[in-house]
């Protein structure tokens, strides 16, 4: 961990503790990290997407328990992995599939019970990609959700729990629901209804559009 930012405030917004330590990247000449830097929130964005989705439910644009086949056909057409036998390589593993029989809903996406998993956590999904000659899961902001998370389900919706890209698909559902009713992108929604009211001026889902945010971005590091 090259840098740390610690900031604690009381209920009135007064500083209790505030300190920056380390650098903004791993390089020997990297500048010190500071509170003007921006940081990737990664899976913390799941909360933001959940808020946007539930706001759409409140507004009658989405329903928690309605099937999503019409709104997310790319996801809802995916089969379910019914068995996985490991082998010496992912490409040599054997998989069997079945068609989904239960509805897939927004509630499932928001609670990690949809069957959508992460390649990094699920050998069966890595084997599936390898069998098709596909590269591993791409989770960069520019990657299409249908490419990154267009994989078979690990179980029938509601029959299990797996941490994965269900919230990414929920974001797609929000955006499509908004656009059906004359709205804009998910980014527009969260800027207006989440980030804006909270005063989060440097928060965005679309980093490629915010040069100032990119320039101050802390470099992420992965051990091993």
C-alpha atoms as a PDB file:
ATOM      1  CA  UNK A   1       0.000   0.000   0.000  1.00  0.00           C
ATOM      2  CA  UNK A   2       1.777   3.107  -1.229  1.00  0.00           C
ATOM      3  CA  UNK A   3      -0.429   5.726   0.386  1.00  0.00           C
ATOM      4  CA  UNK A   4      -3.125   6.257   2.991  1.00  0.00           C
ATOM      5  CA  UNK A   5      -5.659   9.032   3.579  1.00  0.00           C
ATOM      6  CA  UNK A   6      -7.337   9.202   6.989  1.00  0.00           C
ATOM      7  CA  UNK A   7     -10.073  11.715   7.749  1.00  0.00           C
ATOM      8  CA  UNK A   8     -12.558  11.582  10.618  1.00  0.00           C
ATOM      9  CA  UNK A   9     -15.183  14.256  11.299  1.00  0.00           C
ATOM     10  CA  UNK A  10     -17.887  14.744  13.905  1.00  0.00           C
ATOM     11  CA  UNK A  11     -21.587  15.113  13.190  1.00  0.00           C
ATOM     12  CA  UNK A  12     -21.171  18.855  12.654  1.00  0.00           C
ATOM     13  CA  UNK A  13     -18.456  18.361  10.038  1.00  0.00           C
ATOM     14  CA  UNK A  14     -15.552  19.401  12.247  1.00  0.00           C
ATOM     15  CA  UNK A  15     -12.245  17.587  11.754  1.00  0.00           C
ATOM     16  CA  UNK A  16     -11.348  15.073  14.457  1.00  0.00           C
ATOM     17  CA  UNK A  17      -8.355  13.630  12.636  1.00  0.00           C
ATOM     18  CA  UNK A  18      -6.928  14.272   9.176  1.00  0.00           C
ATOM     19  CA  UNK A  19      -3.654  12.951   7.809  1.00  0.00           C
ATOM     20  CA  UNK A  20      -2.117  11.850   4.516  1.00  0.00           C
ATOM     21  CA  UNK A  21       0.855   9.474   4.380  1.00  0.00           C
ATOM     22  CA  UNK A  22       2.756   7.877   1.512  1.00  0.00           C
ATOM     23  CA  UNK A  23       2.690   8.503  -2.216  1.00  0.00           C
ATOM     24  CA  UNK A  24       0.129   8.455  -5.020  1.00  0.00           C
ATOM     25  CA  UNK A  25       1.944   5.660  -6.898  1.00  0.00           C
ATOM     26  CA  UNK A  26       4.597   2.988  -6.324  1.00  0.00           C
ATOM     27  CA  UNK A  27       7.405   4.614  -8.310  1.00  0.00           C
ATOM     28  CA  UNK A  28      10.438   6.006  -6.436  1.00  0.00           C
ATOM     29  CA  UNK A  29       9.740   9.537  -7.682  1.00  0.00           C
ATOM     30  CA  UNK A  30       5.979   9.461  -7.142  1.00  0.00           C
ATOM     31  CA  UNK A  31       4.488  12.600  -5.581  1.00  0.00           C
ATOM     32  CA  UNK A  32       3.044  12.497  -2.055  1.00  0.00           C
ATOM     33  CA  UNK A  33      -0.590  11.496  -1.779  1.00  0.00           C
ATOM     34  CA  UNK A  34      -2.935  14.285  -0.717  1.00  0.00           C
ATOM     35  CA  UNK A  35      -6.590  15.018  -0.116  1.00  0.00           C
ATOM     36  CA  UNK A  36      -6.804  16.566  -3.579  1.00  0.00           C
ATOM     37  CA  UNK A  37      -6.141  13.156  -5.149  1.00  0.00           C
ATOM     38  CA  UNK A  38      -8.985  11.081  -6.551  1.00  0.00           C
ATOM     39  CA  UNK A  39      -9.344   7.353  -5.901  1.00  0.00           C
ATOM     40  CA  UNK A  40     -11.097   4.471  -7.650  1.00  0.00           C
ATOM     41  CA  UNK A  41     -13.960   3.254  -5.456  1.00  0.00           C
ATOM     42  CA  UNK A  42     -14.230  -0.152  -7.171  1.00  0.00           C
ATOM     43  CA  UNK A  43     -16.994  -2.184  -5.518  1.00  0.00           C
ATOM     44  CA  UNK A  44     -18.074   0.739  -3.342  1.00  0.00           C
ATOM     45  CA  UNK A  45     -19.887   1.889  -6.479  1.00  0.00           C
ATOM     46  CA  UNK A  46     -22.334  -0.960  -5.867  1.00  0.00           C
ATOM     47  CA  UNK A  47     -23.947   1.193  -3.175  1.00  0.00           C
ATOM     48  CA  UNK A  48     -24.325   4.109  -5.597  1.00  0.00           C
ATOM     49  CA  UNK A  49     -25.942   1.864  -8.213  1.00  0.00           C
ATOM     50  CA  UNK A  50     -28.259   0.380  -5.588  1.00  0.00           C
ATOM     51  CA  UNK A  51     -29.416   3.855  -4.557  1.00  0.00           C
ATOM     52  CA  UNK A  52     -30.079   4.787  -8.194  1.00  0.00           C
ATOM     53  CA  UNK A  53     -31.993   1.539  -8.755  1.00  0.00           C
ATOM     54  CA  UNK A  54     -34.158   1.969  -5.657  1.00  0.00           C
ATOM     55  CA  UNK A  55     -34.888   5.560  -6.650  1.00  0.00           C
ATOM     56  CA  UNK A  56     -36.159   4.189  -9.971  1.00  0.00           C
ATOM     57  CA  UNK A  57     -38.350   1.754  -8.043  1.00  0.00           C
ATOM     58  CA  UNK A  58     -39.750   4.649  -5.997  1.00  0.00           C
ATOM     59  CA  UNK A  59     -40.498   6.553  -9.208  1.00  0.00           C
ATOM     60  CA  UNK A  60     -42.240   3.559 -10.775  1.00  0.00           C
ATOM     61  CA  UNK A  61     -39.637   3.105 -13.508  1.00  0.00           C
ATOM     62  CA  UNK A  62     -38.513  -0.323 -12.254  1.00  0.00           C
ATOM     63  CA  UNK A  63     -39.972  -3.030 -10.029  1.00  0.00           C
ATOM     64  CA  UNK A  64     -37.967  -5.124  -7.595  1.00  0.00           C
ATOM     65  CA  UNK A  65     -39.660  -8.415  -8.435  1.00  0.00           C
ATOM     66  CA  UNK A  66     -40.591  -8.092 -12.108  1.00  0.00           C
ATOM     67  CA  UNK A  67     -38.756 -10.334 -14.608  1.00  0.00           C
ATOM     68  CA  UNK A  68     -36.022  -8.481 -16.497  1.00  0.00           C
ATOM     69  CA  UNK A  69     -36.140 -10.481 -19.751  1.00  0.00           C
ATOM     70  CA  UNK A  70     -37.313  -7.532 -21.849  1.00  0.00           C
ATOM     71  CA  UNK A  71     -34.926  -5.033 -20.267  1.00  0.00           C
ATOM     72  CA  UNK A  72     -31.810  -7.250 -20.065  1.00  0.00           C
ATOM     73  CA  UNK A  73     -32.136  -9.876 -22.823  1.00  0.00           C
ATOM     74  CA  UNK A  74     -28.349 -10.401 -23.016  1.00  0.00           C
ATOM     75  CA  UNK A  75     -28.274 -11.539 -19.396  1.00  0.00           C
ATOM     76  CA  UNK A  76     -31.602 -13.330 -19.239  1.00  0.00           C
ATOM     77  CA  UNK A  77     -30.737 -15.524 -22.227  1.00  0.00           C
ATOM     78  CA  UNK A  78     -27.708 -16.967 -20.437  1.00  0.00           C
ATOM     79  CA  UNK A  79     -27.866 -20.659 -19.428  1.00  0.00           C
ATOM     80  CA  UNK A  80     -27.075 -22.007 -15.973  1.00  0.00           C
ATOM     81  CA  UNK A  81     -23.967 -24.045 -15.222  1.00  0.00           C
ATOM     82  CA  UNK A  82     -25.206 -27.329 -13.757  1.00  0.00           C
ATOM     83  CA  UNK A  83     -21.870 -29.113 -13.369  1.00  0.00           C
ATOM     84  CA  UNK A  84     -18.181 -28.325 -13.579  1.00  0.00           C
ATOM     85  CA  UNK A  85     -15.330 -30.824 -13.607  1.00  0.00           C
ATOM     86  CA  UNK A  86     -11.891 -29.302 -13.214  1.00  0.00           C
ATOM     87  CA  UNK A  87      -8.935 -30.376 -15.330  1.00  0.00           C
ATOM     88  CA  UNK A  88      -5.237 -29.595 -15.618  1.00  0.00           C
ATOM     89  CA  UNK A  89      -6.129 -26.468 -17.580  1.00  0.00           C
ATOM     90  CA  UNK A  90      -9.225 -24.296 -17.697  1.00  0.00           C
ATOM     91  CA  UNK A  91      -9.709 -25.016 -21.397  1.00  0.00           C
ATOM     92  CA  UNK A  92      -9.818 -28.769 -20.739  1.00  0.00           C
ATOM     93  CA  UNK A  93     -12.441 -28.600 -17.987  1.00  0.00           C
ATOM     94  CA  UNK A  94     -15.921 -29.952 -18.702  1.00  0.00           C
ATOM     95  CA  UNK A  95     -19.135 -28.017 -18.138  1.00  0.00           C
ATOM     96  CA  UNK A  96     -22.816 -28.831 -18.527  1.00  0.00           C
ATOM     97  CA  UNK A  97     -25.632 -26.317 -18.853  1.00  0.00           C
ATOM     98  CA  UNK A  98     -29.393 -25.990 -18.523  1.00  0.00           C
ATOM     99  CA  UNK A  99     -31.849 -23.265 -19.399  1.00  0.00           C
ATOM    100  CA  UNK A 100     -33.016 -20.961 -16.638  1.00  0.00           C
ATOM    101  CA  UNK A 101     -36.532 -21.730 -15.345  1.00  0.00           C
ATOM    102  CA  UNK A 102     -36.977 -19.065 -12.661  1.00  0.00           C
ATOM    103  CA  UNK A 103     -37.432 -15.318 -13.277  1.00  0.00           C
ATOM    104  CA  UNK A 104     -34.420 -13.058 -12.861  1.00  0.00           C
ATOM    105  CA  UNK A 105     -35.319  -9.797 -11.110  1.00  0.00           C
ATOM    106  CA  UNK A 106     -33.805  -6.533  -9.948  1.00  0.00           C
ATOM    107  CA  UNK A 107     -33.961  -7.805  -6.370  1.00  0.00           C
ATOM    108  CA  UNK A 108     -31.701 -10.698  -7.377  1.00  0.00           C
ATOM    109  CA  UNK A 109     -29.197  -8.319  -8.990  1.00  0.00           C
ATOM    110  CA  UNK A 110     -29.077  -6.063  -5.928  1.00  0.00           C
ATOM    111  CA  UNK A 111     -28.608  -8.925  -3.453  1.00  0.00           C
ATOM    112  CA  UNK A 112     -26.035 -11.074  -5.319  1.00  0.00           C
ATOM    113  CA  UNK A 113     -28.598 -13.859  -5.726  1.00  0.00           C
ATOM    114  CA  UNK A 114     -28.922 -13.633  -9.529  1.00  0.00           C
ATOM    115  CA  UNK A 115     -26.249 -16.228 -10.296  1.00  0.00           C
ATOM    116  CA  UNK A 116     -23.913 -13.680 -11.927  1.00  0.00           C
ATOM    117  CA  UNK A 117     -20.362 -14.284 -10.693  1.00  0.00           C
ATOM    118  CA  UNK A 118     -16.853 -12.928 -11.085  1.00  0.00           C
ATOM    119  CA  UNK A 119     -14.340 -14.879 -13.164  1.00  0.00           C
ATOM    120  CA  UNK A 120     -11.674 -14.267 -10.537  1.00  0.00           C
ATOM    121  CA  UNK A 121     -13.754 -16.050  -7.893  1.00  0.00           C
ATOM    122  CA  UNK A 122     -15.337 -18.788 -10.023  1.00  0.00           C
ATOM    123  CA  UNK A 123     -13.188 -21.445 -11.770  1.00  0.00           C
ATOM    124  CA  UNK A 124     -16.240 -22.592 -13.732  1.00  0.00           C
ATOM    125  CA  UNK A 125     -16.555 -19.182 -15.378  1.00  0.00           C
ATOM    126  CA  UNK A 126     -12.862 -19.108 -16.239  1.00  0.00           C
ATOM    127  CA  UNK A 127     -13.236 -22.556 -17.791  1.00  0.00           C
ATOM    128  CA  UNK A 128     -16.222 -21.388 -19.812  1.00  0.00           C
ATOM    129  CA  UNK A 129     -14.290 -18.451 -21.243  1.00  0.00           C
ATOM    130  CA  UNK A 130     -11.254 -20.622 -21.974  1.00  0.00           C
ATOM    131  CA  UNK A 131     -13.426 -23.151 -23.828  1.00  0.00           C
ATOM    132  CA  UNK A 132     -14.604 -20.320 -26.101  1.00  0.00           C
ATOM    133  CA  UNK A 133     -11.150 -18.829 -26.577  1.00  0.00           C
ATOM    134  CA  UNK A 134     -12.147 -15.680 -24.723  1.00  0.00           C
ATOM    135  CA  UNK A 135      -9.883 -13.536 -22.587  1.00  0.00           C
ATOM    136  CA  UNK A 136     -10.567 -13.143 -18.891  1.00  0.00           C
ATOM    137  CA  UNK A 137     -13.152 -10.800 -17.493  1.00  0.00           C
ATOM    138  CA  UNK A 138     -12.459  -7.156 -18.310  1.00  0.00           C
ATOM    139  CA  UNK A 139     -13.670  -4.725 -15.676  1.00  0.00           C
ATOM    140  CA  UNK A 140     -12.271  -1.441 -16.969  1.00  0.00           C
ATOM    141  CA  UNK A 141     -14.747   1.457 -17.114  1.00  0.00           C
ATOM    142  CA  UNK A 142     -14.791   1.309 -20.914  1.00  0.00           C
ATOM    143  CA  UNK A 143     -15.624  -2.401 -21.075  1.00  0.00           C
ATOM    144  CA  UNK A 144     -19.176  -3.216 -22.130  1.00  0.00           C
ATOM    145  CA  UNK A 145     -21.135  -4.886 -19.337  1.00  0.00           C
ATOM    146  CA  UNK A 146     -22.476  -7.475 -21.762  1.00  0.00           C
ATOM    147  CA  UNK A 147     -18.879  -8.489 -22.540  1.00  0.00           C
ATOM    148  CA  UNK A 148     -17.532  -8.349 -19.004  1.00  0.00           C
ATOM    149  CA  UNK A 149     -20.474 -10.096 -17.355  1.00  0.00           C
ATOM    150  CA  UNK A 150     -22.202 -11.882 -20.227  1.00  0.00           C
ATOM    151  CA  UNK A 151     -21.473 -15.317 -18.789  1.00  0.00           C
ATOM    152  CA  UNK A 152     -23.621 -18.281 -17.727  1.00  0.00           C
ATOM    153  CA  UNK A 153     -25.313 -18.115 -14.351  1.00  0.00           C
ATOM    154  CA  UNK A 154     -23.929 -20.133 -11.458  1.00  0.00           C
ATOM    155  CA  UNK A 155     -27.398 -21.129 -10.205  1.00  0.00           C
ATOM    156  CA  UNK A 156     -31.085 -20.379 -10.655  1.00  0.00           C
ATOM    157  CA  UNK A 157     -31.913 -16.836  -9.542  1.00  0.00           C
ATOM    158  CA  UNK A 158     -32.740 -16.860  -5.852  1.00  0.00           C
ATOM    159  CA  UNK A 159     -31.255 -20.313  -5.234  1.00  0.00           C
ATOM    160  CA  UNK A 160     -27.800 -19.206  -4.071  1.00  0.00           C
ATOM    161  CA  UNK A 161     -25.462 -16.317  -3.341  1.00  0.00           C
ATOM    162  CA  UNK A 162     -22.363 -15.300  -5.277  1.00  0.00           C
ATOM    163  CA  UNK A 163     -20.463 -12.032  -5.266  1.00  0.00           C
ATOM    164  CA  UNK A 164     -20.277 -10.745  -8.793  1.00  0.00           C
ATOM    165  CA  UNK A 165     -21.397  -8.344 -11.491  1.00  0.00           C
ATOM    166  CA  UNK A 166     -25.104  -8.312 -10.731  1.00  0.00           C
ATOM    167  CA  UNK A 167     -24.886  -4.672  -9.689  1.00  0.00           C
ATOM    168  CA  UNK A 168     -23.253  -3.827 -13.022  1.00  0.00           C
ATOM    169  CA  UNK A 169     -26.272  -5.316 -14.761  1.00  0.00           C
ATOM    170  CA  UNK A 170     -28.513  -3.379 -12.373  1.00  0.00           C
ATOM    171  CA  UNK A 171     -26.825  -0.223 -13.634  1.00  0.00           C
ATOM    172  CA  UNK A 172     -27.677  -1.225 -17.205  1.00  0.00           C
ATOM    173  CA  UNK A 173     -31.290  -1.828 -16.140  1.00  0.00           C
ATOM    174  CA  UNK A 174     -31.447   1.623 -14.537  1.00  0.00           C
ATOM    175  CA  UNK A 175     -30.049   3.307 -17.643  1.00  0.00           C
ATOM    176  CA  UNK A 176     -32.402   1.499 -20.009  1.00  0.00           C
ATOM    177  CA  UNK A 177     -35.412   2.205 -17.784  1.00  0.00           C
ATOM    178  CA  UNK A 178     -34.491   5.887 -17.696  1.00  0.00           C
ATOM    179  CA  UNK A 179     -34.027   6.058 -21.464  1.00  0.00           C
ATOM    180  CA  UNK A 180     -37.364   4.331 -22.022  1.00  0.00           C
ATOM    181  CA  UNK A 181     -38.944   7.275 -20.211  1.00  0.00           C
ATOM    182  CA  UNK A 182     -36.931   9.972 -21.966  1.00  0.00           C
ATOM    183  CA  UNK A 183     -34.045  10.080 -19.493  1.00  0.00           C
ATOM    184  CA  UNK A 184     -30.299   9.946 -20.003  1.00  0.00           C
ATOM    185  CA  UNK A 185     -27.442   7.727 -18.887  1.00  0.00           C
ATOM    186  CA  UNK A 186     -26.778   6.212 -15.478  1.00  0.00           C
ATOM    187  CA  UNK A 187     -24.071   8.863 -15.068  1.00  0.00           C
ATOM    188  CA  UNK A 188     -26.634  11.648 -15.519  1.00  0.00           C
ATOM    189  CA  UNK A 189     -28.912  10.013 -12.967  1.00  0.00           C
ATOM    190  CA  UNK A 190     -26.318   9.619 -10.229  1.00  0.00           C
ATOM    191  CA  UNK A 191     -24.901  13.093 -10.796  1.00  0.00           C
ATOM    192  CA  UNK A 192     -28.353  14.628 -10.365  1.00  0.00           C
ATOM    193  CA  UNK A 193     -29.759  12.395  -7.639  1.00  0.00           C
ATOM    194  CA  UNK A 194     -26.774  11.051  -5.667  1.00  0.00           C
ATOM    195  CA  UNK A 195     -23.456  12.833  -6.185  1.00  0.00           C
ATOM    196  CA  UNK A 196     -24.925  16.312  -6.629  1.00  0.00           C
ATOM    197  CA  UNK A 197     -27.045  16.406  -3.450  1.00  0.00           C
ATOM    198  CA  UNK A 198     -24.095  15.035  -1.451  1.00  0.00           C
ATOM    199  CA  UNK A 199     -21.644  17.579  -2.857  1.00  0.00           C
ATOM    200  CA  UNK A 200     -19.418  14.886  -4.391  1.00  0.00           C
ATOM    201  CA  UNK A 201     -18.046  17.052  -7.182  1.00  0.00           C
ATOM    202  CA  UNK A 202     -15.227  14.703  -8.232  1.00  0.00           C
ATOM    203  CA  UNK A 203     -17.288  11.497  -8.285  1.00  0.00           C
ATOM    204  CA  UNK A 204     -18.131   9.937 -11.646  1.00  0.00           C
ATOM    205  CA  UNK A 205     -18.822   6.671 -13.441  1.00  0.00           C
ATOM    206  CA  UNK A 206     -17.384   8.110 -16.666  1.00  0.00           C
ATOM    207  CA  UNK A 207     -13.734   8.776 -15.928  1.00  0.00           C
ATOM    208  CA  UNK A 208     -12.945   9.249 -19.617  1.00  0.00           C
ATOM    209  CA  UNK A 209     -15.052  12.432 -19.575  1.00  0.00           C
ATOM    210  CA  UNK A 210     -13.423  14.010 -16.543  1.00  0.00           C
ATOM    211  CA  UNK A 211      -9.837  14.995 -17.326  1.00  0.00           C
ATOM    212  CA  UNK A 212      -9.343  16.775 -14.003  1.00  0.00           C
ATOM    213  CA  UNK A 213     -10.399  13.688 -12.084  1.00  0.00           C
ATOM    214  CA  UNK A 214      -8.101  11.460 -14.172  1.00  0.00           C
ATOM    215  CA  UNK A 215      -5.085  13.707 -13.654  1.00  0.00           C
ATOM    216  CA  UNK A 216      -5.340  13.411  -9.869  1.00  0.00           C
ATOM    217  CA  UNK A 217      -6.095   9.694  -9.800  1.00  0.00           C
ATOM    218  CA  UNK A 218      -4.117   7.539  -7.376  1.00  0.00           C
ATOM    219  CA  UNK A 219      -2.439   4.552  -9.029  1.00  0.00           C
ATOM    220  CA  UNK A 220      -3.882   1.227  -7.899  1.00  0.00           C
ATOM    221  CA  UNK A 221      -1.512  -1.597  -6.949  1.00  0.00           C
ATOM    222  CA  UNK A 222      -2.080  -5.347  -6.760  1.00  0.00           C
ATOM    223  CA  UNK A 223       0.206  -7.570  -4.717  1.00  0.00           C
ATOM    224  CA  UNK A 224       1.384 -10.707  -6.488  1.00  0.00           C
END
